[in-house]
Amino acid sequence: MGSSCSKFSLCWFHSHLKPSVLESPDQENGGKSEINMWGTISEFSLEQLKGATNGFSSENIVSEHGEKAPNVVYKGKIEDGKLIAIKRFNKFAWPDSRQFLEEARQVGRLRSERLANLIGYCYEGEERLLVAEFMPHETLAKHLFHWEAEPMKWAMRLRVAFYLAQALEYCTSKGRGLYHDLNAYRVLFDQDGNPRLSCFGLMKNSRDGKSYSTNLAFTPPEYLRTGRVTQESVVYSFGTLLLDLLSGKHIPPSHALDLIRGKNFLMLMDSALEGHFSKDDGTELVRLASRCLQYEARERPNAKSLVSSLMSLQKETEVPSFILLGLRHETAPSTKALSLTPFGEACLRLDLTAIYGILEKIGYKDDEGIANELSFQLWTSQMQETLNLKKHGDTAFRAKDFVTAVECYTQFIDGGTMVSPTVYARRCLSYLMNEMPKEALRDAMQAQVVSPEWPTSLYLQAACLFSLGMENDAQETLNDGINMEAKKCRK
């Protein structure tokens, strides 16, 4: 029982622990974690990303081009179910790891609600991978070209154009105005149905990369002449996206411009939108698209001008994106009505003295089943020695000698004869008292593995996360503890 549980605990623990938590303090200046969780960029190990994708299973591929794409995007799962998107470059990309690292760090500094932000990277040997926020509601191409229930609403198309223009303006303001191969597959929808621009296109070219992988008919004319991408080239590509939004199809710009010049622009409009948009709005969007598609790069508008032009066209601004997109919106259950127990309150305040008082008072009540199981074995000398270690740990814990408590509890745990969630909880608090929050978090998580329905382990995890400065994760975990305790009370 002890060894199998220990093996399971270790696997579960490594698959759920945050990259930033796994780093030891002496690695903070060694490039392992640029800043901290989802507000910055972290280095992931190849093993972490393999585990998150079931060994880069083909079932986890989300790239629209499938396995034949030179650089494949996978869906991954880490940290208690959090989803990530992982772009794995082919083995000939980015031969200079320093260039890759510098690019990833630069892009990772960008943070906008208009971007699917870069949150991590990995470079080991020839492997080069990027990790981004996962967008659960697929691509613009899916909703625009391959819709099933209903076509994208006109108001949503206008919102997509506006949000993308805002994304480009933000990137330009941060000195990252070059975007490679802007197209409908680079536009993703988050959990609220809001469109976001993939951060992957912000990386500069790798050795084998192509700025434009689409048909040459959609490529900016200056790129065909020089092979270089400019900010004006990005605006040209934005114009092709406007054509996509207008028509619901991927129309070559040359053909569209012929229709516009011949004043046949209504032929561009998606027939599924008939009667659902005003002619003035359609005319204005066509005019903006034609400006973006000018042959001379200097005649195209800049990102700031695009934002200004599109802002005045917005419709139904009070309607959430998920409704306009026809999505079911899964909202998190409210925890405001649920009251905190004294233990939960102590963990919220990070009041270690109060936590100690409660843990010491409740004793080993939650270990009762384990104690009964072992009562038949108490005669063996090995078992007696193990129990003595626990008793010495308990004596030190009651005396508030937390250094000795850690030592005794560690010997008890390492003995492997029995597993006790309360011992993990007590050692967790002892670590916190000794200002060792990362070690404490490990014990709180191990306590949950041993006793999955024990709210105490979740409360302690929250306290550890608060101690580590991870406020959002701490609050989520605290809410999980509240919900678990409420369920137990209802039984």
Protein backbone atom coordinates (compact mmCIF):
# COMPACT_ATOMS: atom_id res chain seq x y z
CA MET A 1 0.00 0.00 0.00
CA GLY A 2 2.73 2.49 0.96
CA SER A 3 4.94 2.10 -2.15
CA SER A 4 2.12 2.17 -4.72
CA CYS A 5 0.56 5.22 -3.10
CA SER A 6 3.94 6.92 -3.00
CA LYS A 7 4.50 6.31 -6.73
CA PHE A 8 1.03 7.65 -7.57
CA SER A 9 1.59 10.67 -5.35
CA LEU A 10 4.85 11.52 -7.09
CA CYS A 11 3.32 11.32 -10.58
CA TRP A 12 0.29 13.35 -9.57
CA PHE A 13 2.44 15.91 -7.81
CA HIS A 14 4.78 16.55 -10.76
CA SER A 15 1.89 16.78 -13.22
CA HIS A 16 0.07 19.38 -11.12
CA LEU A 17 2.85 21.58 -9.80
CA LYS A 18 3.43 24.93 -11.49
CA PRO A 19 6.70 25.52 -13.34
CA SER A 20 7.33 28.59 -11.21
CA VAL A 21 6.83 26.56 -8.04
CA LEU A 22 9.19 23.81 -9.14
CA GLU A 23 12.08 26.26 -9.44
CA SER A 24 14.30 26.50 -6.41
CA PRO A 25 15.31 29.96 -5.12
CA ASP A 26 18.89 29.67 -6.38
CA GLN A 27 17.58 29.26 -9.94
CA GLU A 28 15.73 32.55 -10.04
CA ASN A 29 18.64 34.23 -11.78
CA GLY A 30 19.49 31.23 -13.91
CA GLY A 31 16.85 31.65 -16.60
CA LYS A 32 14.44 29.01 -15.33
CA SER A 33 11.60 31.45 -14.68
CA GLU A 34 11.54 34.93 -16.14
CA ILE A 35 8.99 36.22 -13.67
CA ASN A 36 6.05 34.22 -12.40
CA MET A 37 2.91 32.39 -13.37
CA TRP A 38 0.58 33.51 -16.15
CA GLY A 39 1.70 37.17 -15.89
CA THR A 40 5.02 36.47 -17.46
CA ILE A 41 7.03 33.78 -19.17
CA SER A 42 8.54 30.59 -17.73
CA GLU A 43 10.88 27.90 -18.96
CA PHE A 44 9.27 24.46 -19.24
CA SER A 45 11.19 21.22 -19.41
CA LEU A 46 10.67 18.86 -22.33
CA GLU A 47 9.43 16.24 -19.87
CA GLN A 48 6.75 18.61 -18.58
CA LEU A 49 5.49 19.28 -22.10
CA LYS A 50 5.59 15.60 -23.01
CA GLY A 51 3.51 14.85 -19.96
CA ALA A 52 1.08 17.64 -20.81
CA THR A 53 0.49 16.25 -24.33
CA ASN A 54 0.58 12.49 -23.65
CA GLY A 55 3.95 12.26 -25.35
CA PHE A 56 2.99 14.68 -28.14
CA SER A 57 0.19 12.36 -29.16
CA SER A 58 -1.40 12.98 -32.56
CA GLU A 59 -4.73 13.11 -30.72
CA ASN A 60 -3.56 16.33 -29.07
CA ILE A 61 -2.77 18.13 -32.33
CA VAL A 62 -4.89 21.24 -32.81
CA SER A 63 -2.99 22.80 -35.71
CA GLU A 64 -5.37 23.21 -38.64
CA HIS A 65 -2.75 21.74 -40.98
CA GLY A 66 -2.39 18.52 -39.00
CA GLU A 67 0.69 16.37 -38.72
CA LYS A 68 2.13 17.41 -42.09
CA ALA A 69 2.69 20.99 -40.89
CA PRO A 70 6.40 21.78 -40.36
CA ASN A 71 5.55 23.26 -36.96
CA VAL A 72 2.74 21.51 -35.09
CA VAL A 73 0.52 22.98 -32.36
CA TYR A 74 -0.65 20.69 -29.55
CA LYS A 75 -3.21 21.02 -26.82
CA GLY A 76 -1.77 20.26 -23.40
CA LYS A 77 -3.03 20.03 -19.84
CA ILE A 78 -1.12 21.02 -16.72
CA GLU A 79 -1.80 22.42 -13.26
CA ASP A 80 -5.02 20.93 -12.07
CA GLY A 81 -6.55 20.86 -15.52
CA LYS A 82 -5.30 24.18 -16.91
CA LEU A 83 -4.97 23.99 -20.69
CA ILE A 84 -2.08 25.29 -22.77
CA ALA A 85 -1.18 25.44 -26.45
CA ILE A 86 2.27 24.13 -27.39
CA LYS A 87 3.94 24.92 -30.71
CA ARG A 88 6.69 22.43 -31.53
CA PHE A 89 9.06 23.52 -34.28
CA ASN A 90 10.73 21.03 -36.57
CA LYS A 91 14.29 20.02 -35.79
CA PHE A 92 15.83 22.41 -38.34
CA ALA A 93 14.19 25.52 -36.98
CA TRP A 94 16.00 27.97 -34.75
CA PRO A 95 19.52 26.49 -34.90
CA ASP A 96 20.70 29.33 -32.67
CA SER A 97 19.15 28.67 -29.26
CA ARG A 98 20.17 32.14 -28.07
CA GLN A 99 18.15 33.77 -30.85
CA PHE A 100 15.15 31.58 -30.02
CA LEU A 101 15.42 32.39 -26.33
CA GLU A 102 15.72 36.12 -26.94
CA GLU A 103 12.71 36.12 -29.28
CA ALA A 104 10.61 34.12 -26.82
CA ARG A 105 11.49 36.46 -23.97
CA GLN A 106 10.67 39.53 -26.04
CA VAL A 107 7.29 38.17 -27.13
CA GLY A 108 6.66 36.87 -23.61
CA ARG A 109 6.82 40.41 -22.24
CA LEU A 110 3.68 41.30 -24.16
CA ARG A 111 0.47 41.01 -22.18
CA SER A 112 -2.89 41.94 -23.67
CA GLU A 113 -6.45 40.64 -23.53
CA ARG A 114 -6.38 40.90 -27.33
CA LEU A 115 -3.58 38.31 -27.58
CA ALA A 116 -3.37 34.59 -26.88
CA ASN A 117 -0.33 35.39 -24.75
CA LEU A 118 2.97 33.51 -24.69
CA ILE A 119 3.53 32.04 -21.23
CA GLY A 120 6.54 29.79 -21.72
CA TYR A 121 9.16 28.17 -23.87
CA CYS A 122 11.40 25.12 -23.98
CA TYR A 123 14.77 24.59 -25.64
CA GLU A 124 16.55 21.32 -25.04
CA GLY A 125 18.98 19.93 -27.60
CA GLU A 126 17.37 20.47 -31.00
CA GLU A 127 13.90 20.93 -29.50
CA ARG A 128 12.31 24.39 -29.71
CA LEU A 129 8.81 24.80 -28.26
CA LEU A 130 6.56 27.72 -27.35
CA VAL A 131 3.77 27.58 -24.76
CA ALA A 132 0.77 29.90 -24.93
CA GLU A 133 -2.63 30.37 -23.33
CA PHE A 134 -5.07 27.86 -24.77
CA MET A 135 -8.10 29.26 -26.58
CA PRO A 136 -10.94 26.73 -26.32
CA HIS A 137 -13.26 27.95 -29.07
CA GLU A 138 -11.14 27.30 -32.17
CA THR A 139 -10.19 29.61 -35.02
CA LEU A 140 -11.81 32.33 -37.08
CA ALA A 141 -11.45 30.03 -40.09
CA LYS A 142 -13.63 27.44 -38.34
CA HIS A 143 -16.40 29.92 -37.44
CA LEU A 144 -16.27 31.82 -40.71
CA PHE A 145 -15.65 29.17 -43.38
CA HIS A 146 -16.78 25.90 -41.77
CA TRP A 147 -19.70 26.87 -39.54
CA GLU A 148 -22.32 24.25 -38.74
CA ALA A 149 -25.30 25.76 -36.89
CA GLU A 150 -25.35 29.35 -38.10
CA PRO A 151 -23.06 31.84 -39.88
CA MET A 152 -21.12 34.39 -37.87
CA LYS A 153 -23.27 37.42 -37.08
CA TRP A 154 -22.42 40.77 -38.64
CA ALA A 155 -21.87 42.40 -35.23
CA MET A 156 -19.40 39.66 -34.34
CA ARG A 157 -17.50 40.11 -37.61
CA LEU A 158 -17.15 43.80 -36.89
CA ARG A 159 -15.95 42.99 -33.36
CA VAL A 160 -13.35 40.55 -34.67
CA ALA A 161 -11.97 43.23 -37.01
CA PHE A 162 -11.91 45.82 -34.21
CA TYR A 163 -10.25 43.56 -31.62
CA LEU A 164 -7.61 42.44 -34.13
CA ALA A 165 -6.83 46.05 -35.01
CA GLN A 166 -6.44 46.73 -31.28
CA ALA A 167 -4.10 43.74 -30.98
CA LEU A 168 -1.93 45.05 -33.83
CA GLU A 169 -1.90 48.57 -32.36
CA TYR A 170 -0.83 47.19 -28.97
CA CYS A 171 1.98 45.12 -30.49
CA THR A 172 3.15 48.10 -32.55
CA SER A 173 3.22 50.31 -29.44
CA LYS A 174 5.47 47.72 -27.78
CA GLY A 175 7.88 47.57 -30.71
CA ARG A 176 6.59 44.24 -32.06
CA GLY A 177 4.59 45.47 -35.04
CA LEU A 178 5.76 42.74 -37.41
CA TYR A 179 3.37 39.79 -37.60
CA HIS A 180 4.07 36.84 -39.86
CA ASP A 181 1.32 35.43 -42.05
CA LEU A 182 -1.73 37.06 -40.48
CA ASN A 183 -4.71 34.96 -41.53
CA ALA A 184 -7.96 33.45 -40.27
CA TYR A 185 -6.12 30.53 -38.65
CA ARG A 186 -4.15 32.92 -36.43
CA VAL A 187 -7.32 34.34 -34.86
CA LEU A 188 -8.57 32.33 -31.89
CA PHE A 189 -11.53 32.59 -29.52
CA ASP A 190 -11.13 32.49 -25.75
CA GLN A 191 -13.51 31.05 -23.14
CA ASP A 192 -15.68 34.18 -23.31
CA GLY A 193 -15.87 34.02 -27.10
CA ASN A 194 -13.61 37.06 -27.53
CA PRO A 195 -11.27 36.97 -30.53
CA ARG A 196 -7.54 36.99 -29.81
CA LEU A 197 -4.49 37.10 -32.03
CA SER A 198 -2.10 34.15 -31.64
CA CYS A 199 1.26 35.20 -30.20
CA PHE A 200 3.10 32.64 -32.33
CA GLY A 201 3.08 34.91 -35.38
CA LEU A 202 5.02 37.56 -33.44
CA MET A 203 8.20 35.46 -33.42
CA LYS A 204 10.73 36.54 -36.01
CA ASN A 205 11.67 34.10 -38.74
CA SER A 206 13.58 30.98 -37.88
CA ARG A 207 15.99 29.62 -40.47
CA ASP A 208 13.39 27.53 -42.28
CA GLY A 209 10.40 29.70 -41.42
CA LYS A 210 8.22 31.38 -43.99
CA SER A 211 6.58 34.72 -43.41
CA TYR A 212 3.75 33.69 -45.70
CA SER A 213 2.69 30.07 -46.00
CA THR A 214 -0.60 30.82 -47.71
CA ASN A 215 -1.21 30.97 -51.46
CA LEU A 216 0.90 33.60 -53.19
CA ALA A 217 -2.31 35.30 -54.33
CA PHE A 218 -2.77 36.52 -50.75
CA THR A 219 0.82 37.68 -50.19
CA PRO A 220 1.72 41.41 -49.99
CA PRO A 221 3.29 42.57 -53.28
CA GLU A 222 6.40 43.99 -51.58
CA TYR A 223 7.09 40.62 -49.95
CA LEU A 224 7.11 38.99 -53.37
CA ARG A 225 9.63 41.61 -54.51
CA THR A 226 11.95 41.72 -51.50
CA GLY A 227 11.14 38.74 -49.25
CA ARG A 228 10.88 41.16 -46.32
CA VAL A 229 7.97 41.76 -43.95
CA THR A 230 7.15 45.31 -42.92
CA GLN A 231 4.40 46.78 -40.76
CA GLU A 232 2.66 47.79 -43.99
CA SER A 233 2.76 44.13 -45.06
CA VAL A 234 0.84 43.26 -41.89
CA VAL A 235 -1.81 45.85 -42.77
CA TYR A 236 -2.14 44.26 -46.22
CA SER A 237 -2.77 40.90 -44.57
CA PHE A 238 -5.29 42.58 -42.28
CA GLY A 239 -7.07 43.72 -45.45
CA THR A 240 -7.34 40.10 -46.62
CA LEU A 241 -8.90 39.26 -43.25
CA LEU A 242 -11.46 42.01 -43.75
CA LEU A 243 -12.34 40.37 -47.07
CA ASP A 244 -12.77 37.05 -45.22
CA LEU A 245 -15.14 38.71 -42.75
CA LEU A 246 -17.13 40.41 -45.50
CA SER A 247 -17.52 37.40 -47.74
CA GLY A 248 -17.31 34.36 -45.46
CA LYS A 249 -14.87 33.00 -48.04
CA HIS A 250 -11.15 33.30 -48.76
CA ILE A 251 -11.19 35.62 -51.80
CA PRO A 252 -7.94 36.62 -53.55
CA PRO A 253 -7.38 40.37 -53.08
CA SER A 254 -6.94 40.99 -56.82
CA HIS A 255 -10.38 39.58 -57.54
CA ALA A 256 -11.92 41.58 -54.69
CA LEU A 257 -10.32 44.81 -55.85
CA ASP A 258 -11.67 44.26 -59.38
CA LEU A 259 -15.18 43.96 -57.91
CA ILE A 260 -14.66 47.06 -55.78
CA ARG A 261 -13.37 49.13 -58.69
CA GLY A 262 -16.32 47.98 -60.78
CA LYS A 263 -18.64 49.04 -57.95
CA ASN A 264 -19.84 45.45 -57.64
CA PHE A 265 -18.76 45.22 -54.02
CA LEU A 266 -22.13 43.77 -52.93
CA MET A 267 -21.04 40.62 -54.73
CA LEU A 268 -18.34 40.36 -52.05
CA MET A 269 -20.86 40.17 -49.23
CA ASP A 270 -21.66 36.85 -47.60
CA SER A 271 -25.09 35.82 -48.89
CA ALA A 272 -25.86 34.40 -45.43
CA LEU A 273 -25.80 38.00 -44.10
CA GLU A 274 -28.46 39.30 -46.46
CA GLY A 275 -30.83 41.59 -44.58
CA HIS A 276 -28.65 41.58 -41.44
CA PHE A 277 -26.35 44.53 -42.14
CA SER A 278 -26.73 48.07 -43.37
CA LYS A 279 -25.42 49.05 -46.79
CA ASP A 280 -23.53 51.96 -45.22
CA ASP A 281 -21.64 49.63 -42.84
CA GLY A 282 -20.84 47.25 -45.68
CA THR A 283 -19.62 50.11 -47.86
CA GLU A 284 -17.39 51.46 -45.09
CA LEU A 285 -15.80 48.07 -44.38
CA VAL A 286 -15.19 47.49 -48.09
CA ARG A 287 -13.58 50.93 -48.33
CA LEU A 288 -11.30 50.15 -45.39
CA ALA A 289 -10.32 46.79 -46.90
CA SER A 290 -9.43 48.42 -50.22
CA ARG A 291 -7.20 50.95 -48.41
CA CYS A 292 -5.37 48.11 -46.65
CA LEU A 293 -4.84 46.33 -49.99
CA GLN A 294 -3.19 49.24 -51.81
CA TYR A 295 -0.27 48.14 -53.98
CA GLU A 296 1.97 50.89 -52.62
CA ALA A 297 2.72 50.14 -48.97
CA ARG A 298 2.91 53.83 -47.99
CA GLU A 299 -0.73 54.34 -49.04
CA ARG A 300 -2.08 51.87 -46.48
CA PRO A 301 -3.43 52.98 -43.07
CA ASN A 302 -1.54 52.24 -39.87
CA ALA A 303 -2.86 50.17 -36.95
CA LYS A 304 -3.97 53.22 -34.98
CA SER A 305 -6.02 54.46 -37.94
CA LEU A 306 -7.61 51.00 -38.29
CA VAL A 307 -8.74 51.05 -34.66
CA SER A 308 -10.25 54.51 -35.08
CA SER A 309 -12.10 53.54 -38.28
CA LEU A 310 -13.50 50.31 -36.85
CA MET A 311 -14.54 51.72 -33.49
CA SER A 312 -17.36 53.74 -35.07
CA LEU A 313 -18.72 50.63 -36.83
CA GLN A 314 -19.27 48.52 -33.72
CA LYS A 315 -22.77 47.11 -33.16
CA GLU A 316 -24.46 45.47 -30.17
CA THR A 317 -21.55 46.42 -27.94
CA GLU A 318 -23.50 45.46 -24.81
CA VAL A 319 -23.93 41.84 -26.00
CA PRO A 320 -21.19 39.43 -24.80
CA SER A 321 -19.10 37.79 -27.50
CA PHE A 322 -20.09 34.27 -26.53
CA ILE A 323 -23.73 35.11 -27.28
CA LEU A 324 -22.90 36.70 -30.63
CA LEU A 325 -20.81 33.62 -31.45
CA GLY A 326 -23.61 31.24 -30.41
CA LEU A 327 -21.61 29.55 -27.64
CA ARG A 328 -22.72 28.11 -24.36
CA HIS A 329 -20.92 29.99 -21.63
CA GLU A 330 -19.79 27.89 -18.70
CA THR A 331 -19.45 30.21 -15.73
CA ALA A 332 -17.67 29.24 -12.58
CA PRO A 333 -20.01 28.57 -9.64
CA SER A 334 -20.22 31.53 -7.29
CA THR A 335 -18.60 31.04 -3.93
CA LYS A 336 -19.72 34.32 -2.42
CA ALA A 337 -22.71 32.67 -0.75
CA LEU A 338 -20.53 29.99 0.79
CA SER A 339 -19.10 30.94 4.16
CA LEU A 340 -15.58 30.14 5.22
CA THR A 341 -14.99 27.86 8.18
CA PRO A 342 -12.57 29.13 10.84
CA PHE A 343 -9.84 26.98 9.25
CA GLY A 344 -10.52 28.39 5.79
CA GLU A 345 -10.59 31.91 7.24
CA ALA A 346 -7.22 31.34 8.92
CA CYS A 347 -5.71 30.14 5.63
CA LEU A 348 -7.18 33.13 3.78
CA ARG A 349 -5.52 35.48 6.31
CA LEU A 350 -2.38 33.32 6.31
CA ASP A 351 -2.66 33.30 10.10
CA LEU A 352 -0.21 30.50 10.88
CA THR A 353 -0.88 30.67 14.63
CA ALA A 354 -4.59 30.09 14.08
CA ILE A 355 -3.88 27.30 11.57
CA TYR A 356 -1.61 25.65 14.14
CA GLY A 357 -4.23 25.85 16.87
CA ILE A 358 -6.87 24.18 14.70
CA LEU A 359 -4.57 21.44 13.36
CA GLU A 360 -3.34 20.64 16.85
CA LYS A 361 -6.90 20.51 18.19
CA ILE A 362 -8.40 18.21 15.53
CA GLY A 363 -5.50 15.77 15.90
CA TYR A 364 -5.69 12.60 13.82
CA LYS A 365 -9.46 12.43 13.46
CA ASP A 366 -9.21 12.10 9.67
CA ASP A 367 -6.70 9.25 9.99
CA GLU A 368 -9.12 7.02 11.89
CA GLY A 369 -9.52 4.49 9.07
CA ILE A 370 -5.79 4.17 8.65
CA ALA A 371 -5.31 3.68 12.38
CA ASN A 372 -7.85 0.85 12.45
CA GLU A 373 -6.16 -0.83 9.50
CA LEU A 374 -2.84 -0.79 11.29
CA SER A 375 -4.09 -1.88 14.70
CA PHE A 376 -3.50 -5.53 13.82
CA GLN A 377 0.17 -4.87 13.04
CA LEU A 378 1.19 -2.90 16.11
CA TRP A 379 3.03 -5.88 17.55
CA THR A 380 5.88 -5.79 15.08
CA SER A 381 9.00 -3.95 16.18
CA GLN A 382 9.32 -2.16 12.85
CA MET A 383 5.81 -0.79 13.20
CA GLN A 384 6.49 0.30 16.75
CA GLU A 385 9.61 2.19 15.64
CA THR A 386 7.62 3.93 12.94
CA LEU A 387 4.88 4.92 15.38
CA ASN A 388 7.51 6.24 17.79
CA LEU A 389 8.81 8.56 15.07
CA LYS A 390 5.30 9.92 14.61
CA LYS A 391 4.92 10.35 18.38
CA HIS A 392 8.23 12.24 18.59
CA GLY A 393 7.07 14.44 15.74
CA ASP A 394 3.76 15.09 17.47
CA THR A 395 5.56 15.97 20.71
CA ALA A 396 7.77 18.47 18.89
CA PHE A 397 4.74 19.86 17.02
CA ARG A 398 2.85 20.45 20.29
CA ALA A 399 5.95 22.10 21.74
CA LYS A 400 6.14 24.30 18.60
CA ASP A 401 9.61 22.94 17.85
CA PHE A 402 8.92 22.93 14.13
CA VAL A 403 12.47 22.07 13.03
CA THR A 404 12.43 18.84 15.04
CA ALA A 405 8.85 18.14 13.92
CA VAL A 406 9.97 18.28 10.29
CA GLU A 407 12.85 15.89 11.00
CA CYS A 408 10.71 13.32 12.81
CA TYR A 409 7.80 13.48 10.38
CA THR A 410 10.24 13.12 7.48
CA GLN A 411 11.69 9.93 8.96
CA PHE A 412 8.17 8.62 9.53
CA ILE A 413 7.14 9.36 5.91
CA ASP A 414 10.37 8.01 4.43
CA GLY A 415 9.87 4.76 6.34
CA GLY A 416 6.97 4.04 3.98
CA THR A 417 5.19 1.71 6.39
CA MET A 418 2.04 3.82 6.58
CA VAL A 419 0.66 6.98 4.99
CA SER A 420 -1.02 9.70 7.05
CA PRO A 421 -2.66 12.83 5.61
CA THR A 422 -2.44 14.48 9.02
CA VAL A 423 1.33 13.98 9.18
CA TYR A 424 1.64 15.63 5.75
CA ALA A 425 -0.59 18.47 6.98
CA ARG A 426 1.45 18.96 10.15
CA ARG A 427 4.75 18.84 8.28
CA CYS A 428 3.26 21.30 5.79
CA LEU A 429 2.55 23.81 8.55
CA SER A 430 5.96 23.16 10.11
CA TYR A 431 7.55 24.06 6.76
CA LEU A 432 5.45 27.23 6.61
CA MET A 433 6.59 28.13 10.14
CA ASN A 434 10.17 27.69 8.90
CA GLU A 435 9.48 29.93 5.87
CA MET A 436 9.69 27.06 3.36
CA PRO A 437 6.44 27.52 1.37
CA LYS A 438 7.44 25.41 -1.66
CA GLU A 439 8.16 22.39 0.51
CA ALA A 440 4.93 23.09 2.40
CA LEU A 441 2.93 23.11 -0.85
CA ARG A 442 4.32 19.70 -1.79
CA ASP A 443 3.08 18.26 1.51
CA ALA A 444 -0.37 19.85 1.19
CA MET A 445 -0.71 18.30 -2.27
CA GLN A 446 0.48 14.92 -1.01
CA ALA A 447 -2.14 15.09 1.74
CA GLN A 448 -4.80 15.51 -0.95
CA VAL A 449 -3.47 12.49 -2.83
CA VAL A 450 -3.72 10.35 0.30
CA SER A 451 -7.15 11.72 1.27
CA PRO A 452 -8.84 13.26 -1.81
CA GLU A 453 -12.03 14.27 0.03
CA TRP A 454 -10.26 16.14 2.84
CA PRO A 455 -10.90 19.93 2.63
CA THR A 456 -8.01 20.60 5.01
CA SER A 457 -5.49 19.71 2.31
CA LEU A 458 -7.03 22.26 -0.10
CA TYR A 459 -7.10 24.97 2.58
CA LEU A 460 -3.43 24.33 3.32
CA GLN A 461 -2.59 24.47 -0.40
CA ALA A 462 -4.31 27.86 -0.53
CA ALA A 463 -2.25 29.09 2.43
CA CYS A 464 0.96 27.93 0.72
CA LEU A 465 -0.01 29.63 -2.55
CA PHE A 466 -0.83 32.86 -0.70
CA SER A 467 2.59 32.60 0.93
CA LEU A 468 4.17 32.21 -2.53
CA GLY A 469 2.38 35.33 -3.75
CA MET A 470 0.16 33.39 -6.18
CA GLU A 471 -3.06 35.14 -5.25
CA ASN A 472 -5.33 33.97 -8.08
CA ASP A 473 -4.36 30.31 -7.75
CA ALA A 474 -4.69 30.55 -3.96
CA GLN A 475 -8.19 31.98 -4.22
CA GLU A 476 -9.26 29.26 -6.68
CA THR A 477 -7.92 26.54 -4.39
CA LEU A 478 -9.61 28.12 -1.38
CA ASN A 479 -12.91 28.10 -3.29
CA ASP A 480 -12.36 24.41 -4.09
CA GLY A 481 -11.95 23.76 -0.38
CA ILE A 482 -15.14 25.67 0.42
CA ASN A 483 -17.10 23.68 -2.14
CA MET A 484 -15.69 20.36 -0.92
CA GLU A 485 -16.57 21.18 2.68
CA ALA A 486 -20.07 22.26 1.67
CA LYS A 487 -20.61 18.91 -0.08
CA LYS A 488 -19.45 17.01 2.98
CA CYS A 489 -21.90 18.96 5.15
CA ARG A 490 -24.78 18.10 2.82
CA LYS A 491 -24.12 14.35 3.04
